[in-house]
PDB file of N, CA and C in Angstrom:
ATOM      1  N   MET A   1       0.846  -1.171   0.000  1.00  0.00           N
ATOM      2  CA  MET A   1       0.000   0.000   0.000  1.00  0.00           C
ATOM      3  C   MET A   1       0.893   1.236   0.000  1.00  0.00           C
ATOM      4  N   SER A   2       0.641   2.161  -0.895  1.00  0.00           N
ATOM      5  CA  SER A   2       1.442   3.377  -0.946  1.00  0.00           C
ATOM      6  C   SER A   2       0.928   4.378   0.077  1.00  0.00           C
ATOM      7  N   GLN A   3       1.816   5.256   0.474  1.00  0.00           N
ATOM      8  CA  GLN A   3       1.513   6.252   1.496  1.00  0.00           C
ATOM      9  C   GLN A   3       2.039   7.596   1.038  1.00  0.00           C
ATOM     10  N   PRO A   4       1.207   8.638   1.005  1.00  0.00           N
ATOM     11  CA  PRO A   4       1.733   9.952   0.625  1.00  0.00           C
ATOM     12  C   PRO A   4       2.623  10.496   1.752  1.00  0.00           C
ATOM     13  N   VAL A   5       3.724  11.111   1.355  1.00  0.00           N
ATOM     14  CA  VAL A   5       4.634  11.718   2.321  1.00  0.00           C
ATOM     15  C   VAL A   5       5.034  13.093   1.816  1.00  0.00           C
ATOM     16  N   LYS A   6       5.435  13.959   2.736  1.00  0.00           N
ATOM     17  CA  LYS A   6       5.925  15.274   2.370  1.00  0.00           C
ATOM     18  C   LYS A   6       7.440  15.198   2.254  1.00  0.00           C
ATOM     19  N   LEU A   7       7.946  15.688   1.136  1.00  0.00           N
ATOM     20  CA  LEU A   7       9.386  15.718   0.892  1.00  0.00           C
ATOM     21  C   LEU A   7       9.794  17.142   0.572  1.00  0.00           C
ATOM     22  N   SER A   8      11.019  17.481   0.898  1.00  0.00           N
ATOM     23  CA  SER A   8      11.490  18.831   0.592  1.00  0.00           C
ATOM     24  C   SER A   8      11.609  19.006  -0.917  1.00  0.00           C
ATOM     25  N   ASP A   9      11.428  20.233  -1.367  1.00  0.00           N
ATOM     26  CA  ASP A   9      11.589  20.534  -2.792  1.00  0.00           C
ATOM     27  C   ASP A   9      12.999  20.192  -3.258  1.00  0.00           C
ATOM     28  N   GLN A  10      13.986  20.401  -2.383  1.00  0.00           N
ATOM     29  CA  GLN A  10      15.377  20.119  -2.730  1.00  0.00           C
ATOM     30  C   GLN A  10      15.593  18.633  -2.991  1.00  0.00           C
ATOM     31  N   LEU A  11      15.028  17.774  -2.130  1.00  0.00           N
ATOM     32  CA  LEU A  11      15.170  16.330  -2.315  1.00  0.00           C
ATOM     33  C   LEU A  11      14.490  15.882  -3.605  1.00  0.00           C
ATOM     34  N   VAL A  12      13.317  16.417  -3.885  1.00  0.00           N
ATOM     35  CA  VAL A  12      12.596  16.055  -5.108  1.00  0.00           C
ATOM     36  C   VAL A  12      13.388  16.502  -6.335  1.00  0.00           C
ATOM     37  N   LEU A  13      13.959  17.700  -6.301  1.00  0.00           N
ATOM     38  CA  LEU A  13      14.762  18.180  -7.426  1.00  0.00           C
ATOM     39  C   LEU A  13      16.001  17.303  -7.627  1.00  0.00           C
ATOM     40  N   ASP A  14      16.679  16.965  -6.534  1.00  0.00           N
ATOM     41  CA  ASP A  14      17.853  16.093  -6.637  1.00  0.00           C
ATOM     42  C   ASP A  14      17.462  14.724  -7.192  1.00  0.00           C
ATOM     43  N   ALA A  15      16.337  14.196  -6.751  1.00  0.00           N
ATOM     44  CA  ALA A  15      15.872  12.898  -7.257  1.00  0.00           C
ATOM     45  C   ALA A  15      15.520  12.990  -8.733  1.00  0.00           C
ATOM     46  N   ARG A  16      14.931  14.099  -9.150  1.00  0.00           N
ATOM     47  CA  ARG A  16      14.595  14.276 -10.567  1.00  0.00           C
ATOM     48  C   ARG A  16      15.865  14.319 -11.421  1.00  0.00           C
ATOM     49  N   LEU A  17      16.846  15.114 -10.997  1.00  0.00           N
ATOM     50  CA  LEU A  17      18.090  15.246 -11.763  1.00  0.00           C
ATOM     51  C   LEU A  17      18.853  13.927 -11.834  1.00  0.00           C
ATOM     52  N   THR A  18      18.971  13.252 -10.705  1.00  0.00           N
ATOM     53  CA  THR A  18      19.678  11.977 -10.677  1.00  0.00           C
ATOM     54  C   THR A  18      18.885  10.901 -11.400  1.00  0.00           C
ATOM     55  N   GLY A  19      17.588  10.877 -11.182  1.00  0.00           N
ATOM     56  CA  GLY A  19      16.734   9.878 -11.827  1.00  0.00           C
ATOM     57  C   GLY A  19      16.749   9.986 -13.335  1.00  0.00           C
ATOM     58  N   ASP A  20      16.825  11.204 -13.863  1.00  0.00           N
ATOM     59  CA  ASP A  20      16.897  11.384 -15.321  1.00  0.00           C
ATOM     60  C   ASP A  20      18.126  10.694 -15.894  1.00  0.00           C
ATOM     61  N   VAL A  21      19.241  10.786 -15.186  1.00  0.00           N
ATOM     62  CA  VAL A  21      20.492  10.201 -15.670  1.00  0.00           C
ATOM     63  C   VAL A  21      20.411   8.680 -15.699  1.00  0.00           C
ATOM     64  N   VAL A  22      19.815   8.088 -14.671  1.00  0.00           N
ATOM     65  CA  VAL A  22      19.768   6.628 -14.566  1.00  0.00           C
ATOM     66  C   VAL A  22      18.410   6.055 -14.989  1.00  0.00           C
ATOM     67  N   GLU A  23      17.584   6.903 -15.576  1.00  0.00           N
ATOM     68  CA  GLU A  23      16.276   6.516 -16.117  1.00  0.00           C
ATOM     69  C   GLU A  23      15.360   5.910 -15.055  1.00  0.00           C
ATOM     70  N   ARG A  24      15.235   6.636 -13.938  1.00  0.00           N
ATOM     71  CA  ARG A  24      14.289   6.267 -12.890  1.00  0.00           C
ATOM     72  C   ARG A  24      13.320   7.419 -12.693  1.00  0.00           C
ATOM     73  N   SER A  25      12.124   7.102 -12.243  1.00  0.00           N
ATOM     74  CA  SER A  25      11.174   8.150 -11.877  1.00  0.00           C
ATOM     75  C   SER A  25      11.649   8.800 -10.580  1.00  0.00           C
ATOM     76  N   ILE A  26      11.023   9.917 -10.226  1.00  0.00           N
ATOM     77  CA  ILE A  26      11.380  10.573  -8.965  1.00  0.00           C
ATOM     78  C   ILE A  26      11.135   9.611  -7.814  1.00  0.00           C
ATOM     79  N   ALA A  27       9.958   8.980  -7.793  1.00  0.00           N
ATOM     80  CA  ALA A  27       9.643   8.024  -6.724  1.00  0.00           C
ATOM     81  C   ALA A  27      10.620   6.850  -6.743  1.00  0.00           C
ATOM     82  N   GLY A  28      10.944   6.357  -7.925  1.00  0.00           N
ATOM     83  CA  GLY A  28      11.873   5.238  -8.033  1.00  0.00           C
ATOM     84  C   GLY A  28      13.253   5.601  -7.515  1.00  0.00           C
ATOM     85  N   GLN A  29      13.695   6.827  -7.790  1.00  0.00           N
ATOM     86  CA  GLN A  29      15.009   7.264  -7.319  1.00  0.00           C
ATOM     87  C   GLN A  29      15.029   7.389  -5.803  1.00  0.00           C
ATOM     88  N   ILE A  30      13.976   7.966  -5.228  1.00  0.00           N
ATOM     89  CA  ILE A  30      13.913   8.114  -3.771  1.00  0.00           C
ATOM     90  C   ILE A  30      13.833   6.747  -3.108  1.00  0.00           C
ATOM     91  N   GLU A  31      13.058   5.817  -3.689  1.00  0.00           N
ATOM     92  CA  GLU A  31      12.995   4.451  -3.152  1.00  0.00           C
ATOM     93  C   GLU A  31      14.368   3.772  -3.242  1.00  0.00           C
ATOM     94  N   PHE A  32      15.096   4.019  -4.329  1.00  0.00           N
ATOM     95  CA  PHE A  32      16.442   3.458  -4.477  1.00  0.00           C
ATOM     96  C   PHE A  32      17.353   3.975  -3.376  1.00  0.00           C
ATOM     97  N   TRP A  33      17.327   5.313  -3.171  1.00  0.00           N
ATOM     98  CA  TRP A  33      18.147   5.892  -2.104  1.00  0.00           C
ATOM     99  C   TRP A  33      17.753   5.337  -0.743  1.00  0.00           C
ATOM    100  N   ALA A  34      16.461   5.179  -0.495  1.00  0.00           N
ATOM    101  CA  ALA A  34      15.991   4.643   0.787  1.00  0.00           C
ATOM    102  C   ALA A  34      16.482   3.204   0.971  1.00  0.00           C
ATOM    103  N   GLY A  35      16.451   2.423  -0.103  1.00  0.00           N
ATOM    104  CA  GLY A  35      16.937   1.053  -0.024  1.00  0.00           C
ATOM    105  C   GLY A  35      18.423   0.995   0.283  1.00  0.00           C
ATOM    106  N   LEU A  36      19.196   1.893  -0.338  1.00  0.00           N
ATOM    107  CA  LEU A  36      20.634   1.961  -0.031  1.00  0.00           C
ATOM    108  C   LEU A  36      20.862   2.307   1.434  1.00  0.00           C
ATOM    109  N   GLY A  37      20.122   3.282   1.898  1.00  0.00           N
ATOM    110  CA  GLY A  37      20.264   3.685   3.306  1.00  0.00           C
ATOM    111  C   GLY A  37      19.900   2.561   4.253  1.00  0.00           C
ATOM    112  N   ARG A  38      18.822   1.854   3.936  1.00  0.00           N
ATOM    113  CA  ARG A  38      18.384   0.733   4.763  1.00  0.00           C
ATOM    114  C   ARG A  38      19.451  -0.362   4.777  1.00  0.00           C
ATOM    115  N   ALA A  39      20.065  -0.633   3.630  1.00  0.00           N
ATOM    116  CA  ALA A  39      21.087  -1.673   3.551  1.00  0.00           C
ATOM    117  C   ALA A  39      22.377  -1.259   4.246  1.00  0.00           C
ATOM    118  N   MET A  40      22.730   0.016   4.181  1.00  0.00           N
ATOM    119  CA  MET A  40      24.008   0.481   4.717  1.00  0.00           C
ATOM    120  C   MET A  40      23.973   0.768   6.213  1.00  0.00           C
ATOM    121  N   GLU A  41      22.844   1.177   6.738  1.00  0.00           N
ATOM    122  CA  GLU A  41      22.785   1.611   8.134  1.00  0.00           C
ATOM    123  C   GLU A  41      23.292   0.554   9.123  1.00  0.00           C
ATOM    124  N   PRO A  42      22.912  -0.723   8.975  1.00  0.00           N
ATOM    125  CA  PRO A  42      23.438  -1.705   9.932  1.00  0.00           C
ATOM    126  C   PRO A  42      24.955  -1.922   9.806  1.00  0.00           C
ATOM    127  N   LEU A  43      25.504  -1.643   8.626  1.00  0.00           N
ATOM    128  CA  LEU A  43      26.932  -1.850   8.411  1.00  0.00           C
ATOM    129  C   LEU A  43      27.776  -0.719   8.988  1.00  0.00           C
ATOM    130  N   LEU A  44      27.158   0.428   9.178  1.00  0.00           N
ATOM    131  CA  LEU A  44      27.872   1.586   9.707  1.00  0.00           C
ATOM    132  C   LEU A  44      27.614   1.704  11.201  1.00  0.00           C
ATOM    133  N   GLY A  45      28.622   2.121  11.920  1.00  0.00           N
ATOM    134  CA  GLY A  45      28.394   2.435  13.321  1.00  0.00           C
ATOM    135  C   GLY A  45      27.562   3.705  13.403  1.00  0.00           C
ATOM    136  N   GLY A  46      26.919   3.933  14.512  1.00  0.00           N
ATOM    137  CA  GLY A  46      26.065   5.112  14.674  1.00  0.00           C
ATOM    138  C   GLY A  46      26.775   6.410  14.353  1.00  0.00           C
ATOM    139  N   ILE A  47      28.019   6.562  14.802  1.00  0.00           N
ATOM    140  CA  ILE A  47      28.768   7.800  14.576  1.00  0.00           C
ATOM    141  C   ILE A  47      29.088   7.973  13.101  1.00  0.00           C
ATOM    142  N   HIS A  48      29.375   6.877  12.394  1.00  0.00           N
ATOM    143  CA  HIS A  48      29.675   6.961  10.969  1.00  0.00           C
ATOM    144  C   HIS A  48      28.429   7.330  10.164  1.00  0.00           C
ATOM    145  N   ALA A  49      27.292   6.759  10.522  1.00  0.00           N
ATOM    146  CA  ALA A  49      26.042   7.084   9.834  1.00  0.00           C
ATOM    147  C   ALA A  49      25.706   8.559  10.019  1.00  0.00           C
ATOM    148  N   LEU A  50      25.890   9.060  11.221  1.00  0.00           N
ATOM    149  CA  LEU A  50      25.630  10.471  11.503  1.00  0.00           C
ATOM    150  C   LEU A  50      26.565  11.371  10.707  1.00  0.00           C
ATOM    151  N   ALA A  51      27.841  11.014  10.633  1.00  0.00           N
ATOM    152  CA  ALA A  51      28.815  11.815   9.877  1.00  0.00           C
ATOM    153  C   ALA A  51      28.460  11.827   8.401  1.00  0.00           C
ATOM    154  N   LEU A  52      28.070  10.689   7.849  1.00  0.00           N
ATOM    155  CA  LEU A  52      27.673  10.642   6.435  1.00  0.00           C
ATOM    156  C   LEU A  52      26.424  11.475   6.187  1.00  0.00           C
ATOM    157  N   GLN A  53      25.476  11.406   7.095  1.00  0.00           N
ATOM    158  CA  GLN A  53      24.250  12.179   6.931  1.00  0.00           C
ATOM    159  C   GLN A  53      24.549  13.674   6.930  1.00  0.00           C
ATOM    160  N   LYS A  54      25.400  14.114   7.830  1.00  0.00           N
ATOM    161  CA  LYS A  54      25.751  15.535   7.882  1.00  0.00           C
ATOM    162  C   LYS A  54      26.502  15.964   6.634  1.00  0.00           C
ATOM    163  N   SER A  55      27.421  15.133   6.163  1.00  0.00           N
ATOM    164  CA  SER A  55      28.180  15.516   4.970  1.00  0.00           C
ATOM    165  C   SER A  55      27.293  15.509   3.738  1.00  0.00           C
ATOM    166  N   GLY A  56      26.282  14.669   3.701  1.00  0.00           N
ATOM    167  CA  GLY A  56      25.368  14.618   2.560  1.00  0.00           C
ATOM    168  C   GLY A  56      24.514  15.861   2.441  1.00  0.00           C
ATOM    169  N   LYS A  57      24.309  16.571   3.528  1.00  0.00           N
ATOM    170  CA  LYS A  57      23.487  17.773   3.491  1.00  0.00           C
ATOM    171  C   LYS A  57      24.286  19.008   3.080  1.00  0.00           C
ATOM    172  N   ALA A  58      25.588  18.865   2.945  1.00  0.00           N
ATOM    173  CA  ALA A  58      26.430  20.020   2.659  1.00  0.00           C
ATOM    174  C   ALA A  58      26.166  20.607   1.275  1.00  0.00           C
ATOM    175  N   ASN A  59      26.141  19.767   0.246  1.00  0.00           N
ATOM    176  CA  ASN A  59      25.975  20.246  -1.123  1.00  0.00           C
ATOM    177  C   ASN A  59      25.016  19.334  -1.882  1.00  0.00           C
ATOM    178  N   PRO A  60      23.757  19.714  -2.007  1.00  0.00           N
ATOM    179  CA  PRO A  60      22.847  18.890  -2.794  1.00  0.00           C
ATOM    180  C   PRO A  60      23.262  18.873  -4.267  1.00  0.00           C
ATOM    181  N   ILE A  61      22.884  17.820  -4.958  1.00  0.00           N
ATOM    182  CA  ILE A  61      23.258  17.643  -6.361  1.00  0.00           C
ATOM    183  C   ILE A  61      22.846  18.854  -7.197  1.00  0.00           C
ATOM    184  N   SER A  62      21.638  19.349  -6.985  1.00  0.00           N
ATOM    185  CA  SER A  62      21.159  20.473  -7.785  1.00  0.00           C
ATOM    186  C   SER A  62      22.035  21.706  -7.596  1.00  0.00           C
ATOM    187  N   ALA A  63      22.501  21.950  -6.381  1.00  0.00           N
ATOM    188  CA  ALA A  63      23.373  23.100  -6.137  1.00  0.00           C
ATOM    189  C   ALA A  63      24.728  22.902  -6.814  1.00  0.00           C
ATOM    190  N   CYS A  64      25.242  21.673  -6.775  1.00  0.00           N
ATOM    191  CA  CYS A  64      26.514  21.392  -7.446  1.00  0.00           C
ATOM    192  C   CYS A  64      26.390  21.615  -8.946  1.00  0.00           C
ATOM    193  N   LEU A  65      25.314  21.108  -9.534  1.00  0.00           N
ATOM    194  CA  LEU A  65      25.122  21.267 -10.975  1.00  0.00           C
ATOM    195  C   LEU A  65      24.949  22.732 -11.353  1.00  0.00           C
ATOM    196  N   ALA A  66      24.217  23.478 -10.533  1.00  0.00           N
ATOM    197  CA  ALA A  66      23.997  24.893 -10.827  1.00  0.00           C
ATOM    198  C   ALA A  66      25.299  25.687 -10.754  1.00  0.00           C
ATOM    199  N   SER A  67      26.231  25.246  -9.896  1.00  0.00           N
ATOM    200  CA  SER A  67      27.470  26.008  -9.727  1.00  0.00           C
ATOM    201  C   SER A  67      28.511  25.706 -10.801  1.00  0.00           C
ATOM    202  N   VAL A  68      28.327  24.628 -11.559  1.00  0.00           N
ATOM    203  CA  VAL A  68      29.342  24.240 -12.541  1.00  0.00           C
ATOM    204  C   VAL A  68      29.474  25.280 -13.646  1.00  0.00           C
ATOM    205  N   ASP A  69      28.363  25.738 -14.177  1.00  0.00           N
ATOM    206  CA  ASP A  69      28.412  26.685 -15.295  1.00  0.00           C
ATOM    207  C   ASP A  69      28.500  28.114 -14.778  1.00  0.00           C
ATOM    208  N   SER A  70      29.555  28.376 -14.047  1.00  0.00           N
ATOM    209  CA  SER A  70      29.833  29.709 -13.517  1.00  0.00           C
ATOM    210  C   SER A  70      31.342  29.883 -13.575  1.00  0.00           C
ATOM    211  N   PRO A  71      31.832  31.107 -13.472  1.00  0.00           N
ATOM    212  CA  PRO A  71      33.290  31.290 -13.474  1.00  0.00           C
ATOM    213  C   PRO A  71      33.982  30.480 -12.371  1.00  0.00           C
ATOM    214  N   GLU A  72      33.365  30.449 -11.175  1.00  0.00           N
ATOM    215  CA  GLU A  72      33.959  29.684 -10.073  1.00  0.00           C
ATOM    216  C   GLU A  72      33.939  28.192 -10.381  1.00  0.00           C
ATOM    217  N   GLY A  73      32.842  27.715 -10.965  1.00  0.00           N
ATOM    218  CA  GLY A  73      32.722  26.304 -11.300  1.00  0.00           C
ATOM    219  C   GLY A  73      33.725  25.880 -12.354  1.00  0.00           C
ATOM    220  N   ARG A  74      33.892  26.707 -13.381  1.00  0.00           N
ATOM    221  CA  ARG A  74      34.871  26.392 -14.420  1.00  0.00           C
ATOM    222  C   ARG A  74      36.290  26.379 -13.838  1.00  0.00           C
ATOM    223  N   MET A  75      36.561  27.272 -12.895  1.00  0.00           N
ATOM    224  CA  MET A  75      37.874  27.313 -12.247  1.00  0.00           C
ATOM    225  C   MET A  75      38.091  26.049 -11.417  1.00  0.00           C
ATOM    226  N   ARG A  76      37.056  25.585 -10.701  1.00  0.00           N
ATOM    227  CA  ARG A  76      37.177  24.342  -9.923  1.00  0.00           C
ATOM    228  C   ARG A  76      37.468  23.160 -10.838  1.00  0.00           C
ATOM    229  N   VAL A  77      36.793  23.103 -11.975  1.00  0.00           N
ATOM    230  CA  VAL A  77      37.012  22.000 -12.919  1.00  0.00           C
ATOM    231  C   VAL A  77      38.442  22.042 -13.451  1.00  0.00           C
ATOM    232  N   MET A  78      38.922  23.231 -13.814  1.00  0.00           N
ATOM    233  CA  MET A  78      40.298  23.355 -14.316  1.00  0.00           C
ATOM    234  C   MET A  78      41.310  22.946 -13.245  1.00  0.00           C
ATOM    235  N   GLU A  79      41.100  23.381 -12.005  1.00  0.00           N
ATOM    236  CA  GLU A  79      42.017  23.022 -10.922  1.00  0.00           C
ATOM    237  C   GLU A  79      42.008  21.518 -10.685  1.00  0.00           C
ATOM    238  N   TYR A  80      40.827  20.912 -10.744  1.00  0.00           N
ATOM    239  CA  TYR A  80      40.737  19.470 -10.556  1.00  0.00           C
ATOM    240  C   TYR A  80      41.462  18.747 -11.689  1.00  0.00           C
ATOM    241  N   ALA A  81      41.221  19.166 -12.917  1.00  0.00           N
ATOM    242  CA  ALA A  81      41.866  18.521 -14.070  1.00  0.00           C
ATOM    243  C   ALA A  81      43.382  18.626 -13.971  1.00  0.00           C
ATOM    244  N   ARG A  82      43.879  19.765 -13.524  1.00  0.00           N
ATOM    245  CA  ARG A  82      45.333  19.942 -13.384  1.00  0.00           C
ATOM    246  C   ARG A  82      45.918  19.064 -12.282  1.00  0.00           C
ATOM    247  N   SER A  83      45.107  18.679 -11.318  1.00  0.00           N
ATOM    248  CA  SER A  83      45.599  17.837 -10.222  1.00  0.00           C
ATOM    249  C   SER A  83      45.662  16.364 -10.605  1.00  0.00           C
ATOM    250  N   ARG A  84      45.072  16.002 -11.730  1.00  0.00           N
ATOM    251  CA  ARG A  84      45.034  14.604 -12.162  1.00  0.00           C
ATOM    252  C   ARG A  84      46.351  14.216 -12.828  1.00  0.00           C
ATOM    253  N   PRO A  85      46.603  12.911 -12.950  1.00  0.00           N
ATOM    254  CA  PRO A  85      47.843  12.460 -13.596  1.00  0.00           C
ATOM    255  C   PRO A  85      47.920  12.925 -15.045  1.00  0.00           C
ATOM    256  N   PHE A  86      49.131  13.037 -15.552  1.00  0.00           N
ATOM    257  CA  PHE A  86      49.351  13.447 -16.932  1.00  0.00           C
ATOM    258  C   PHE A  86      49.004  12.296 -17.854  1.00  0.00           C
ATOM    259  N   PRO A  87      48.692  12.573 -19.122  1.00  0.00           N
ATOM    260  CA  PRO A  87      48.688  13.883 -19.768  1.00  0.00           C
ATOM    261  C   PRO A  87      47.421  14.674 -19.436  1.00  0.00           C
ATOM    262  N   HIS A  88      47.522  15.983 -19.589  1.00  0.00           N
ATOM    263  CA  HIS A  88      46.377  16.875 -19.437  1.00  0.00           C
ATOM    264  C   HIS A  88      45.954  17.355 -20.815  1.00  0.00           C
ATOM    265  N   TYR A  89      44.657  17.603 -20.976  1.00  0.00           N
ATOM    266  CA  TYR A  89      44.121  18.093 -22.238  1.00  0.00           C
ATOM    267  C   TYR A  89      43.341  19.367 -21.980  1.00  0.00           C
ATOM    268  N   GLU A  90      43.460  20.300 -22.908  1.00  0.00           N
ATOM    269  CA  GLU A  90      42.688  21.544 -22.832  1.00  0.00           C
ATOM    270  C   GLU A  90      42.344  21.978 -24.253  1.00  0.00           C
ATOM    271  N   PRO A  91      41.286  22.760 -24.404  1.00  0.00           N
ATOM    272  CA  PRO A  91      40.928  23.213 -25.753  1.00  0.00           C
ATOM    273  C   PRO A  91      42.019  24.100 -26.341  1.00  0.00           C
ATOM    274  N   HIS A  92      42.216  23.996 -27.642  1.00  0.00           N
ATOM    275  CA  HIS A  92      43.169  24.882 -28.327  1.00  0.00           C
ATOM    276  C   HIS A  92      42.596  26.290 -28.272  1.00  0.00           C
ATOM    277  N   PRO A  93      43.423  27.301 -28.009  1.00  0.00           N
ATOM    278  CA  PRO A  93      42.898  28.665 -27.854  1.00  0.00           C
ATOM    279  C   PRO A  93      42.265  29.257 -29.109  1.00  0.00           C
ATOM    280  N   THR A  94      42.661  28.792 -30.296  1.00  0.00           N
ATOM    281  CA  THR A  94      42.120  29.414 -31.517  1.00  0.00           C
ATOM    282  C   THR A  94      41.476  28.436 -32.486  1.00  0.00           C
ATOM    283  N   LYS A  95      41.780  27.151 -32.392  1.00  0.00           N
ATOM    284  CA  LYS A  95      41.256  26.177 -33.351  1.00  0.00           C
ATOM    285  C   LYS A  95      40.112  25.374 -32.743  1.00  0.00           C
ATOM    286  N   GLN A  96      38.939  25.488 -33.329  1.00  0.00           N
ATOM    287  CA  GLN A  96      37.755  24.780 -32.865  1.00  0.00           C
ATOM    288  C   GLN A  96      37.926  23.270 -33.039  1.00  0.00           C
ATOM    289  N   GLY A  97      37.595  22.473 -32.026  1.00  0.00           N
ATOM    290  CA  GLY A  97      37.661  21.029 -32.119  1.00  0.00           C
ATOM    291  C   GLY A  97      39.053  20.442 -31.978  1.00  0.00           C
ATOM    292  N   VAL A  98      40.029  21.266 -31.635  1.00  0.00           N
ATOM    293  CA  VAL A  98      41.406  20.803 -31.494  1.00  0.00           C
ATOM    294  C   VAL A  98      41.806  20.955 -30.027  1.00  0.00           C
ATOM    295  N   LEU A  99      42.606  19.984 -29.538  1.00  0.00           N
ATOM    296  CA  LEU A  99      43.055  19.989 -28.148  1.00  0.00           C
ATOM    297  C   LEU A  99      44.556  20.192 -28.070  1.00  0.00           C
ATOM    298  N   VAL A 100      45.004  20.605 -26.905  1.00  0.00           N
ATOM    299  CA  VAL A 100      46.438  20.674 -26.616  1.00  0.00           C
ATOM    300  C   VAL A 100      46.694  19.676 -25.494  1.00  0.00           C
ATOM    301  N   ARG A 101      47.573  18.705 -25.766  1.00  0.00           N
ATOM    302  CA  ARG A 101      47.942  17.704 -24.766  1.00  0.00           C
ATOM    303  C   ARG A 101      49.248  18.138 -24.121  1.00  0.00           C
ATOM    304  N   THR A 102      49.265  18.159 -22.788  1.00  0.00           N
ATOM    305  CA  THR A 102      50.479  18.495 -22.049  1.00  0.00           C
ATOM    306  C   THR A 102      50.955  17.247 -21.323  1.00  0.00           C
ATOM    307  N   ALA A 103      52.186  16.836 -21.611  1.00  0.00           N
ATOM    308  CA  ALA A 103      52.780  15.657 -20.976  1.00  0.00           C
ATOM    309  C   ALA A 103      53.431  16.051 -19.653  1.00  0.00           C
ATOM    310  N   ALA A 104      53.817  15.059 -18.868  1.00  0.00           N
ATOM    311  CA  ALA A 104      54.429  15.305 -17.562  1.00  0.00           C
ATOM    312  C   ALA A 104      55.705  16.124 -17.667  1.00  0.00           C
ATOM    313  N   ASP A 105      56.427  15.989 -18.782  1.00  0.00           N
ATOM    314  CA  ASP A 105      57.675  16.748 -18.956  1.00  0.00           C
ATOM    315  C   ASP A 105      57.430  18.165 -19.481  1.00  0.00           C
ATOM    316  N   GLY A 106      56.163  18.547 -19.669  1.00  0.00           N
ATOM    317  CA  GLY A 106      55.821  19.888 -20.141  1.00  0.00           C
ATOM    318  C   GLY A 106      55.649  19.998 -21.642  1.00  0.00           C
ATOM    319  N   LYS A 107      55.934  18.933 -22.378  1.00  0.00           N
ATOM    320  CA  LYS A 107      55.794  18.962 -23.833  1.00  0.00           C
ATOM    321  C   LYS A 107      54.325  19.107 -24.200  1.00  0.00           C
ATOM    322  N   ARG A 108      54.062  20.054 -25.111  1.00  0.00           N
ATOM    323  CA  ARG A 108      52.685  20.334 -25.548  1.00  0.00           C
ATOM    324  C   ARG A 108      52.524  19.885 -26.998  1.00  0.00           C
ATOM    325  N   THR A 109      51.441  19.139 -27.255  1.00  0.00           N
ATOM    326  CA  THR A 109      51.166  18.608 -28.587  1.00  0.00           C
ATOM    327  C   THR A 109      49.742  18.969 -28.970  1.00  0.00           C
ATOM    328  N   THR A 110      49.565  19.447 -30.201  1.00  0.00           N
ATOM    329  CA  THR A 110      48.239  19.797 -30.705  1.00  0.00           C
ATOM    330  C   THR A 110      47.664  18.600 -31.452  1.00  0.00           C
ATOM    331  N   GLY A 111      46.392  18.295 -31.198  1.00  0.00           N
ATOM    332  CA  GLY A 111      45.774  17.174 -31.885  1.00  0.00           C
ATOM    333  C   GLY A 111      44.308  17.029 -31.535  1.00  0.00           C
ATOM    334  N   ARG A 112      43.755  15.873 -31.882  1.00  0.00           N
ATOM    335  CA  ARG A 112      42.358  15.555 -31.570  1.00  0.00           C
ATOM    336  C   ARG A 112      42.247  14.049 -31.415  1.00  0.00           C
ATOM    337  N   PHE A 113      41.152  13.620 -30.813  1.00  0.00           N
ATOM    338  CA  PHE A 113      40.921  12.194 -30.640  1.00  0.00           C
ATOM    339  C   PHE A 113      40.208  11.637 -31.867  1.00  0.00           C
ATOM    340  N   VAL A 114      40.766  10.553 -32.416  1.00  0.00           N
ATOM    341  CA  VAL A 114      40.174   9.826 -33.529  1.00  0.00           C
ATOM    342  C   VAL A 114      40.145   8.359 -33.110  1.00  0.00           C
ATOM    343  N   ASP A 115      38.961   7.777 -33.105  1.00  0.00           N
ATOM    344  CA  ASP A 115      38.812   6.391 -32.661  1.00  0.00           C
ATOM    345  C   ASP A 115      39.452   6.154 -31.285  1.00  0.00           C
ATOM    346  N   ARG A 116      39.209   7.101 -30.389  1.00  0.00           N
ATOM    347  CA  ARG A 116      39.674   7.047 -29.006  1.00  0.00           C
ATOM    348  C   ARG A 116      41.194   7.124 -28.837  1.00  0.00           C
ATOM    349  N   LYS A 117      41.882   7.547 -29.882  1.00  0.00           N
ATOM    350  CA  LYS A 117      43.335   7.722 -29.801  1.00  0.00           C
ATOM    351  C   LYS A 117      43.676   9.155 -30.174  1.00  0.00           C
ATOM    352  N   PHE A 118      44.612   9.733 -29.452  1.00  0.00           N
ATOM    353  CA  PHE A 118      45.019  11.114 -29.724  1.00  0.00           C
ATOM    354  C   PHE A 118      45.910  11.136 -30.948  1.00  0.00           C
ATOM    355  N   LYS A 119      45.500  11.891 -31.942  1.00  0.00           N
ATOM    356  CA  LYS A 119      46.252  12.023 -33.204  1.00  0.00           C
ATOM    357  C   LYS A 119      46.756  13.448 -33.317  1.00  0.00           C
ATOM    358  N   THR A 120      48.033  13.596 -33.606  1.00  0.00           N
ATOM    359  CA  THR A 120      48.645  14.914 -33.763  1.00  0.00           C
ATOM    360  C   THR A 120      48.148  15.571 -35.034  1.00  0.00           C
ATOM    361  N   VAL A 121      47.862  16.884 -34.958  1.00  0.00           N
ATOM    362  CA  VAL A 121      47.508  17.672 -36.140  1.00  0.00           C
ATOM    363  C   VAL A 121      48.425  18.883 -36.189  1.00  0.00           C
ATOM    364  N   ARG A 122      48.604  19.413 -37.394  1.00  0.00           N
ATOM    365  CA  ARG A 122      49.473  20.582 -37.552  1.00  0.00           C
ATOM    366  C   ARG A 122      48.648  21.829 -37.708  1.00  0.00           C
TER     367      ARG A 122
END
């Protein structure tokens, strides 16, 4: 038997955004999250469950997605990409569809991906 419940607009929005990606309805996504929580709670100690719950409230998915397409969001993405192992890729400053690959030794190569392999272009 189903039961109507009141949910925050933020939770419903997060469920909609996440559910769209994994092809679940809003209700299906919330039920999925509830099932995960039910399965995980006995495995976590009380203090760990509380810490996870508090950290989960810090940045809802919708707020994270909204912040990506902003100057600060683009800067966070660039900083994260630079922290990853080499090679690094960035758009060519003047050529559309062309990338610049930077190797660990600082060597920069211009090219594009063809069949999942980086091919040098002049």
